Amino acid sequence: MTFQEFMTACDGVVSAKIGLGVYDLPDAAWRDYYEDEMSPEGACECAVIDYWIDEMPSLEDVWFN
């Protein structure tokens, strides 16, 4: 999977969960997740925990339920 394909997949995961895409949210370490060979689902979960939950606490309820 190329990085662009990875980002497209991550965008789909996030969009399906919360109705926003990865480009609508604060930056996350997408390249690092990709280089660590994470799945798009795993990378998105890490982005929630590492970057987005502090700025959007209600995201935890939406993402993990």
N, C-alpha and C. Protein backbone atom coordinates (compact mmCIF):
# COMPACT_ATOMS: atom_id res chain seq x y z
N MET A 1 0.85 -1.17 0.00
CA MET A 1 0.00 0.00 0.00
C MET A 1 0.90 1.23 0.00
N THR A 2 0.61 2.16 -0.89
CA THR A 2 1.36 3.42 -0.91
C THR A 2 0.88 4.31 0.24
N PHE A 3 1.64 5.36 0.49
CA PHE A 3 1.23 6.29 1.54
C PHE A 3 -0.10 6.94 1.19
N GLN A 4 -0.28 7.30 -0.08
CA GLN A 4 -1.54 7.92 -0.49
C GLN A 4 -2.73 6.96 -0.30
N GLU A 5 -2.53 5.70 -0.63
CA GLU A 5 -3.58 4.70 -0.40
C GLU A 5 -3.88 4.55 1.09
N PHE A 6 -2.84 4.59 1.90
CA PHE A 6 -2.99 4.52 3.35
C PHE A 6 -3.81 5.70 3.85
N MET A 7 -3.49 6.90 3.38
CA MET A 7 -4.22 8.09 3.80
C MET A 7 -5.68 8.03 3.35
N THR A 8 -5.92 7.54 2.16
CA THR A 8 -7.29 7.40 1.67
C THR A 8 -8.07 6.43 2.55
N ALA A 9 -7.42 5.33 2.92
CA ALA A 9 -8.07 4.35 3.80
C ALA A 9 -8.33 4.96 5.18
N CYS A 10 -7.37 5.69 5.73
CA CYS A 10 -7.55 6.33 7.03
C CYS A 10 -8.69 7.34 6.97
N ASP A 11 -8.75 8.10 5.91
CA ASP A 11 -9.82 9.07 5.73
C ASP A 11 -11.18 8.37 5.73
N GLY A 12 -11.24 7.22 5.08
CA GLY A 12 -12.49 6.45 5.07
C GLY A 12 -12.88 5.94 6.44
N VAL A 13 -11.90 5.48 7.21
CA VAL A 13 -12.17 4.97 8.56
C VAL A 13 -12.72 6.10 9.43
N VAL A 14 -12.04 7.24 9.41
CA VAL A 14 -12.47 8.37 10.24
C VAL A 14 -13.84 8.88 9.79
N SER A 15 -14.03 9.00 8.50
CA SER A 15 -15.32 9.48 7.98
C SER A 15 -16.47 8.57 8.39
N ALA A 16 -16.25 7.28 8.33
CA ALA A 16 -17.30 6.33 8.71
C ALA A 16 -17.64 6.43 10.20
N LYS A 17 -16.64 6.72 11.02
CA LYS A 17 -16.85 6.77 12.47
C LYS A 17 -17.47 8.08 12.93
N ILE A 18 -16.96 9.21 12.40
CA ILE A 18 -17.39 10.50 12.97
C ILE A 18 -17.93 11.49 11.95
N GLY A 19 -17.93 11.14 10.69
CA GLY A 19 -18.49 12.02 9.68
C GLY A 19 -17.58 13.15 9.24
N LEU A 20 -16.36 13.15 9.69
CA LEU A 20 -15.33 14.10 9.26
C LEU A 20 -14.16 13.31 8.72
N GLY A 21 -13.38 13.92 7.87
CA GLY A 21 -12.20 13.25 7.34
C GLY A 21 -10.95 13.63 8.10
N VAL A 22 -9.86 12.95 7.80
CA VAL A 22 -8.60 13.23 8.49
C VAL A 22 -8.10 14.64 8.21
N TYR A 23 -8.49 15.21 7.07
CA TYR A 23 -8.04 16.55 6.72
C TYR A 23 -8.88 17.64 7.39
N ASP A 24 -9.95 17.23 8.05
CA ASP A 24 -10.80 18.16 8.80
C ASP A 24 -10.37 18.26 10.26
N LEU A 25 -9.46 17.43 10.69
CA LEU A 25 -9.04 17.33 12.08
C LEU A 25 -7.59 17.78 12.23
N PRO A 26 -7.15 18.03 13.46
CA PRO A 26 -5.75 18.42 13.67
C PRO A 26 -4.79 17.37 13.11
N ASP A 27 -3.62 17.83 12.74
CA ASP A 27 -2.61 16.93 12.18
C ASP A 27 -2.27 15.81 13.15
N ALA A 28 -1.92 14.68 12.58
CA ALA A 28 -1.44 13.53 13.34
C ALA A 28 -0.19 13.01 12.64
N ALA A 29 0.48 12.06 13.23
CA ALA A 29 1.74 11.53 12.70
C ALA A 29 1.48 10.42 11.67
N TRP A 30 0.76 10.76 10.63
CA TRP A 30 0.36 9.76 9.64
C TRP A 30 1.54 9.05 9.00
N ARG A 31 2.58 9.79 8.66
CA ARG A 31 3.75 9.17 8.02
C ARG A 31 4.40 8.18 8.98
N ASP A 32 4.49 8.54 10.25
CA ASP A 32 5.07 7.62 11.24
C ASP A 32 4.23 6.35 11.36
N TYR A 33 2.91 6.52 11.41
CA TYR A 33 2.04 5.35 11.50
C TYR A 33 2.22 4.46 10.27
N TYR A 34 2.31 5.08 9.12
CA TYR A 34 2.50 4.34 7.87
C TYR A 34 3.83 3.59 7.89
N GLU A 35 4.89 4.27 8.27
CA GLU A 35 6.22 3.66 8.29
C GLU A 35 6.33 2.57 9.36
N ASP A 36 5.50 2.65 10.38
CA ASP A 36 5.45 1.60 11.41
C ASP A 36 4.57 0.44 10.97
N GLU A 37 4.07 0.52 9.73
CA GLU A 37 3.24 -0.54 9.12
C GLU A 37 1.96 -0.81 9.90
N MET A 38 1.38 0.26 10.45
CA MET A 38 0.10 0.12 11.14
C MET A 38 -1.00 -0.03 10.11
N SER A 39 -2.07 -0.67 10.51
CA SER A 39 -3.26 -0.72 9.66
C SER A 39 -3.91 0.67 9.70
N PRO A 40 -4.71 1.01 8.70
CA PRO A 40 -5.43 2.29 8.76
C PRO A 40 -6.29 2.40 10.02
N GLU A 41 -6.94 1.32 10.42
CA GLU A 41 -7.77 1.34 11.62
C GLU A 41 -6.93 1.62 12.86
N GLY A 42 -5.79 0.94 12.97
CA GLY A 42 -4.90 1.16 14.11
C GLY A 42 -4.33 2.56 14.13
N ALA A 43 -3.96 3.06 12.97
CA ALA A 43 -3.42 4.42 12.88
C ALA A 43 -4.46 5.45 13.31
N CYS A 44 -5.69 5.25 12.90
CA CYS A 44 -6.75 6.19 13.27
C CYS A 44 -7.00 6.16 14.77
N GLU A 45 -6.99 4.98 15.35
CA GLU A 45 -7.16 4.88 16.80
C GLU A 45 -6.01 5.59 17.52
N CYS A 46 -4.80 5.43 17.02
CA CYS A 46 -3.67 6.14 17.62
C CYS A 46 -3.82 7.65 17.48
N ALA A 47 -4.30 8.10 16.33
CA ALA A 47 -4.51 9.54 16.13
C ALA A 47 -5.52 10.07 17.13
N VAL A 48 -6.58 9.31 17.38
CA VAL A 48 -7.57 9.72 18.37
C VAL A 48 -6.91 9.88 19.73
N ILE A 49 -6.17 8.88 20.14
CA ILE A 49 -5.55 8.89 21.47
C ILE A 49 -4.41 9.91 21.56
N ASP A 50 -3.55 9.94 20.54
CA ASP A 50 -2.34 10.77 20.60
C ASP A 50 -2.58 12.25 20.31
N TYR A 51 -3.57 12.56 19.48
CA TYR A 51 -3.71 13.93 18.99
C TYR A 51 -5.08 14.57 19.19
N TRP A 52 -6.14 13.83 19.03
CA TRP A 52 -7.45 14.47 18.94
C TRP A 52 -8.23 14.49 20.24
N ILE A 53 -8.04 13.54 21.11
CA ILE A 53 -8.89 13.42 22.30
C ILE A 53 -8.72 14.61 23.24
N ASP A 54 -7.51 15.17 23.33
CA ASP A 54 -7.29 16.33 24.20
C ASP A 54 -8.05 17.54 23.71
N GLU A 55 -8.14 17.71 22.40
CA GLU A 55 -8.84 18.85 21.83
C GLU A 55 -10.34 18.63 21.71
N MET A 56 -10.75 17.37 21.63
CA MET A 56 -12.16 17.03 21.46
C MET A 56 -12.52 15.87 22.40
N PRO A 57 -12.66 16.14 23.69
CA PRO A 57 -12.92 15.05 24.65
C PRO A 57 -14.13 14.19 24.32
N SER A 58 -15.15 14.76 23.72
CA SER A 58 -16.34 13.97 23.38
C SER A 58 -16.06 12.93 22.30
N LEU A 59 -14.96 13.06 21.60
CA LEU A 59 -14.60 12.09 20.57
C LEU A 59 -14.39 10.71 21.15
N GLU A 60 -13.94 10.64 22.38
CA GLU A 60 -13.71 9.34 23.02
C GLU A 60 -14.99 8.51 23.05
N ASP A 61 -16.09 9.13 23.43
CA ASP A 61 -17.37 8.42 23.47
C ASP A 61 -17.80 7.94 22.09
N VAL A 62 -17.63 8.79 21.11
CA VAL A 62 -18.04 8.44 19.75
C VAL A 62 -17.15 7.35 19.18
N TRP A 63 -15.86 7.48 19.38
CA TRP A 63 -14.92 6.55 18.74
C TRP A 63 -14.94 5.17 19.37
N PHE A 64 -14.97 5.11 20.68
CA PHE A 64 -14.81 3.84 21.38
C PHE A 64 -16.13 3.17 21.77
N ASN A 65 -17.23 3.70 21.33
CA ASN A 65 -18.54 3.07 21.61
C ASN A 65 -19.22 2.66 20.34
